Amino acid sequence: MFRLFKKKINTEHCPICEYNINECQCLFGGNCHPDRSKRIAVVTDHLYLFSKEQVQHVLKLQKYWCISYDDDEKNNILNEFMDKNKR
């Protein structure tokens, strides 16, 4: 009877902040949170190293982050991808 109410415990950790995925701190920023920009770059460059659940978690985070580039060419590529994705 009690098994119906037990929440599945997630043992996967966020590859960026290293917290349990359920307790991930990556959506938060500001002076109280460490700058993880270099770690984010390495994680997104090497997604093949992580479990399916961790990759899905990183994809979810990227949907919430407002990512822009200093390089106009990169921004144009991003806009191209976004336009194709809307179709």
N, C-alpha and C. Protein backbone atom coordinates (compact mmCIF):
# COMPACT_ATOMS: atom_id res chain seq x y z
N MET A 1 0.81 -1.19 0.00
CA MET A 1 0.00 0.00 0.00
C MET A 1 0.86 1.26 0.00
N PHE A 2 1.91 1.29 0.77
CA PHE A 2 2.74 2.48 0.85
C PHE A 2 3.61 2.67 -0.39
N ARG A 3 3.79 1.65 -1.16
CA ARG A 3 4.61 1.75 -2.37
C ARG A 3 3.98 2.68 -3.40
N LEU A 4 2.67 2.83 -3.34
CA LEU A 4 2.01 3.72 -4.28
C LEU A 4 2.44 5.17 -4.09
N PHE A 5 2.83 5.52 -2.89
CA PHE A 5 3.13 6.91 -2.57
C PHE A 5 4.63 7.21 -2.51
N LYS A 6 5.44 6.21 -2.66
CA LYS A 6 6.88 6.43 -2.61
C LYS A 6 7.34 7.10 -3.89
N LYS A 7 8.11 8.14 -3.74
CA LYS A 7 8.66 8.85 -4.88
C LYS A 7 9.94 8.14 -5.32
N LYS A 8 10.08 8.01 -6.63
CA LYS A 8 11.29 7.39 -7.16
C LYS A 8 12.49 8.27 -6.83
N ILE A 9 13.48 7.69 -6.22
CA ILE A 9 14.67 8.43 -5.85
C ILE A 9 15.62 8.45 -7.05
N ASN A 10 16.00 9.64 -7.44
CA ASN A 10 16.88 9.82 -8.58
C ASN A 10 18.32 9.84 -8.06
N THR A 11 19.14 8.95 -8.57
CA THR A 11 20.53 8.88 -8.12
C THR A 11 21.48 9.55 -9.10
N GLU A 12 20.96 10.04 -10.21
CA GLU A 12 21.80 10.71 -11.20
C GLU A 12 22.15 12.12 -10.72
N HIS A 13 23.35 12.55 -11.06
CA HIS A 13 23.79 13.88 -10.68
C HIS A 13 23.91 14.76 -11.92
N CYS A 14 23.63 16.04 -11.74
CA CYS A 14 23.80 17.01 -12.81
C CYS A 14 25.29 17.11 -13.12
N PRO A 15 25.68 16.96 -14.38
CA PRO A 15 27.10 17.03 -14.70
C PRO A 15 27.69 18.44 -14.55
N ILE A 16 26.83 19.44 -14.43
CA ILE A 16 27.29 20.82 -14.33
C ILE A 16 27.51 21.22 -12.87
N CYS A 17 26.48 21.10 -12.04
CA CYS A 17 26.61 21.54 -10.64
C CYS A 17 26.94 20.39 -9.69
N GLU A 18 26.83 19.17 -10.16
CA GLU A 18 27.12 17.95 -9.40
C GLU A 18 26.15 17.69 -8.25
N TYR A 19 25.03 18.40 -8.25
CA TYR A 19 23.95 18.08 -7.30
C TYR A 19 23.11 16.97 -7.91
N ASN A 20 22.30 16.31 -7.07
CA ASN A 20 21.33 15.36 -7.56
C ASN A 20 20.44 16.11 -8.56
N ILE A 21 20.03 15.47 -9.63
CA ILE A 21 19.22 16.13 -10.66
C ILE A 21 17.98 16.78 -10.06
N ASN A 22 17.36 16.14 -9.08
CA ASN A 22 16.17 16.70 -8.44
C ASN A 22 16.48 17.96 -7.64
N GLU A 23 17.73 18.18 -7.31
CA GLU A 23 18.13 19.34 -6.50
C GLU A 23 19.07 20.28 -7.27
N CYS A 24 19.07 20.19 -8.57
CA CYS A 24 19.99 20.93 -9.43
C CYS A 24 19.88 22.44 -9.18
N GLN A 25 21.01 23.10 -9.17
CA GLN A 25 21.09 24.54 -8.92
C GLN A 25 21.35 25.35 -10.20
N CYS A 26 21.35 24.71 -11.34
CA CYS A 26 21.77 25.36 -12.58
C CYS A 26 20.79 26.40 -13.13
N LEU A 27 19.56 26.37 -12.70
CA LEU A 27 18.61 27.38 -13.18
C LEU A 27 18.78 28.70 -12.44
N PHE A 28 19.56 28.69 -11.38
CA PHE A 28 19.72 29.87 -10.55
C PHE A 28 21.08 30.50 -10.82
N GLY A 29 21.16 31.77 -10.70
CA GLY A 29 22.41 32.48 -10.90
C GLY A 29 22.52 33.62 -9.93
N GLY A 30 23.49 34.44 -10.12
CA GLY A 30 23.68 35.59 -9.25
C GLY A 30 24.96 35.49 -8.46
N ASN A 31 25.15 36.44 -7.58
CA ASN A 31 26.38 36.53 -6.81
C ASN A 31 26.58 35.38 -5.84
N CYS A 32 25.50 34.77 -5.38
CA CYS A 32 25.61 33.69 -4.40
C CYS A 32 25.92 32.34 -5.04
N HIS A 33 25.81 32.25 -6.35
CA HIS A 33 26.04 30.99 -7.05
C HIS A 33 27.35 31.09 -7.83
N PRO A 34 28.13 30.02 -7.84
CA PRO A 34 29.42 30.07 -8.56
C PRO A 34 29.22 30.16 -10.07
N ASP A 35 30.19 30.75 -10.73
CA ASP A 35 30.18 30.83 -12.19
C ASP A 35 30.58 29.47 -12.75
N ARG A 36 29.66 28.83 -13.45
CA ARG A 36 29.92 27.50 -14.01
C ARG A 36 30.00 27.53 -15.53
N SER A 37 30.27 28.68 -16.10
CA SER A 37 30.23 28.81 -17.56
C SER A 37 31.25 27.91 -18.26
N LYS A 38 32.43 27.76 -17.70
CA LYS A 38 33.43 26.88 -18.32
C LYS A 38 33.01 25.42 -18.22
N ARG A 39 32.43 25.05 -17.09
CA ARG A 39 31.95 23.68 -16.91
C ARG A 39 30.80 23.38 -17.86
N ILE A 40 29.91 24.35 -18.05
CA ILE A 40 28.79 24.19 -18.98
C ILE A 40 29.32 23.95 -20.39
N ALA A 41 30.32 24.72 -20.80
CA ALA A 41 30.89 24.58 -22.14
C ALA A 41 31.48 23.19 -22.34
N VAL A 42 32.21 22.70 -21.37
CA VAL A 42 32.83 21.37 -21.49
C VAL A 42 31.75 20.28 -21.52
N VAL A 43 30.74 20.40 -20.66
CA VAL A 43 29.66 19.41 -20.63
C VAL A 43 28.94 19.37 -21.97
N THR A 44 28.58 20.53 -22.51
CA THR A 44 27.83 20.54 -23.78
C THR A 44 28.69 20.08 -24.95
N ASP A 45 30.00 20.22 -24.86
CA ASP A 45 30.89 19.72 -25.92
C ASP A 45 31.07 18.21 -25.86
N HIS A 46 30.80 17.61 -24.71
CA HIS A 46 31.07 16.17 -24.54
C HIS A 46 29.87 15.44 -23.93
N LEU A 47 28.71 15.64 -24.50
CA LEU A 47 27.48 15.01 -24.01
C LEU A 47 27.54 13.48 -24.08
N TYR A 48 28.36 12.95 -24.97
CA TYR A 48 28.48 11.50 -25.13
C TYR A 48 29.01 10.80 -23.88
N LEU A 49 29.59 11.56 -22.97
CA LEU A 49 30.16 10.97 -21.74
C LEU A 49 29.11 10.72 -20.66
N PHE A 50 27.89 11.21 -20.85
CA PHE A 50 26.89 11.18 -19.79
C PHE A 50 25.74 10.24 -20.12
N SER A 51 25.01 9.88 -19.08
CA SER A 51 23.87 8.98 -19.24
C SER A 51 22.74 9.70 -19.98
N LYS A 52 21.80 8.93 -20.46
CA LYS A 52 20.65 9.49 -21.18
C LYS A 52 19.89 10.48 -20.28
N GLU A 53 19.73 10.14 -19.04
CA GLU A 53 19.02 11.00 -18.11
C GLU A 53 19.76 12.32 -17.89
N GLN A 54 21.09 12.26 -17.80
CA GLN A 54 21.87 13.48 -17.63
C GLN A 54 21.80 14.36 -18.89
N VAL A 55 21.84 13.75 -20.05
CA VAL A 55 21.74 14.51 -21.30
C VAL A 55 20.37 15.18 -21.39
N GLN A 56 19.32 14.44 -21.05
CA GLN A 56 17.97 15.03 -21.05
C GLN A 56 17.89 16.20 -20.08
N HIS A 57 18.54 16.07 -18.96
CA HIS A 57 18.56 17.14 -17.96
C HIS A 57 19.26 18.39 -18.52
N VAL A 58 20.39 18.21 -19.17
CA VAL A 58 21.12 19.34 -19.76
C VAL A 58 20.28 20.00 -20.85
N LEU A 59 19.59 19.19 -21.67
CA LEU A 59 18.72 19.75 -22.70
C LEU A 59 17.60 20.58 -22.08
N LYS A 60 17.05 20.11 -20.99
CA LYS A 60 15.99 20.85 -20.29
C LYS A 60 16.54 22.19 -19.79
N LEU A 61 17.73 22.17 -19.25
CA LEU A 61 18.35 23.42 -18.77
C LEU A 61 18.56 24.40 -19.92
N GLN A 62 19.02 23.90 -21.05
CA GLN A 62 19.30 24.78 -22.18
C GLN A 62 18.04 25.47 -22.69
N LYS A 63 16.90 24.82 -22.55
CA LYS A 63 15.64 25.45 -22.96
C LYS A 63 15.32 26.67 -22.11
N TYR A 64 15.74 26.64 -20.85
CA TYR A 64 15.45 27.75 -19.94
C TYR A 64 16.49 28.86 -20.00
N TRP A 65 17.71 28.54 -20.37
CA TRP A 65 18.77 29.54 -20.41
C TRP A 65 18.63 30.41 -21.64
N CYS A 66 18.93 31.67 -21.48
CA CYS A 66 18.95 32.60 -22.61
C CYS A 66 20.40 32.67 -23.08
N ILE A 67 20.70 31.96 -24.15
CA ILE A 67 22.08 31.86 -24.63
C ILE A 67 22.23 32.73 -25.87
N SER A 68 23.22 33.62 -25.83
CA SER A 68 23.53 34.44 -26.99
C SER A 68 25.04 34.39 -27.22
N TYR A 69 25.45 34.89 -28.37
CA TYR A 69 26.85 34.81 -28.75
C TYR A 69 27.37 36.19 -29.12
N ASP A 70 28.65 36.43 -28.88
CA ASP A 70 29.30 37.67 -29.30
C ASP A 70 29.50 37.69 -30.81
N ASP A 71 29.61 36.52 -31.38
CA ASP A 71 29.88 36.36 -32.81
C ASP A 71 28.56 36.39 -33.59
N ASP A 72 28.45 37.32 -34.55
CA ASP A 72 27.23 37.43 -35.36
C ASP A 72 26.96 36.16 -36.17
N GLU A 73 28.03 35.52 -36.64
CA GLU A 73 27.85 34.30 -37.43
C GLU A 73 27.21 33.20 -36.60
N LYS A 74 27.62 33.07 -35.33
CA LYS A 74 27.01 32.07 -34.45
C LYS A 74 25.54 32.41 -34.18
N ASN A 75 25.24 33.69 -34.01
CA ASN A 75 23.84 34.09 -33.81
C ASN A 75 23.00 33.78 -35.04
N ASN A 76 23.56 33.98 -36.23
CA ASN A 76 22.84 33.65 -37.46
C ASN A 76 22.59 32.15 -37.57
N ILE A 77 23.57 31.35 -37.19
CA ILE A 77 23.40 29.89 -37.20
C ILE A 77 22.31 29.48 -36.22
N LEU A 78 22.32 30.07 -35.03
CA LEU A 78 21.29 29.78 -34.04
C LEU A 78 19.91 30.15 -34.57
N ASN A 79 19.78 31.32 -35.18
CA ASN A 79 18.49 31.74 -35.74
C ASN A 79 18.04 30.79 -36.84
N GLU A 80 18.97 30.31 -37.64
CA GLU A 80 18.65 29.34 -38.69
C GLU A 80 18.09 28.05 -38.09
N PHE A 81 18.75 27.56 -37.05
CA PHE A 81 18.27 26.34 -36.37
C PHE A 81 16.90 26.55 -35.76
N MET A 82 16.69 27.70 -35.15
CA MET A 82 15.40 27.99 -34.51
C MET A 82 14.29 28.08 -35.56
N ASP A 83 14.59 28.69 -36.71
CA ASP A 83 13.59 28.79 -37.78
C ASP A 83 13.23 27.40 -38.31
N LYS A 84 14.22 26.54 -38.50
CA LYS A 84 13.97 25.18 -38.99
C LYS A 84 13.18 24.37 -37.97
N ASN A 85 13.42 24.61 -36.70
CA ASN A 85 12.75 23.87 -35.63
C ASN A 85 11.28 24.26 -35.52
N LYS A 86 10.92 25.47 -35.91
CA LYS A 86 9.54 25.93 -35.82
C LYS A 86 8.65 25.32 -36.88
N ARG A 87 9.23 24.82 -37.95
CA ARG A 87 8.45 24.25 -39.05
C ARG A 87 7.85 22.94 -38.70
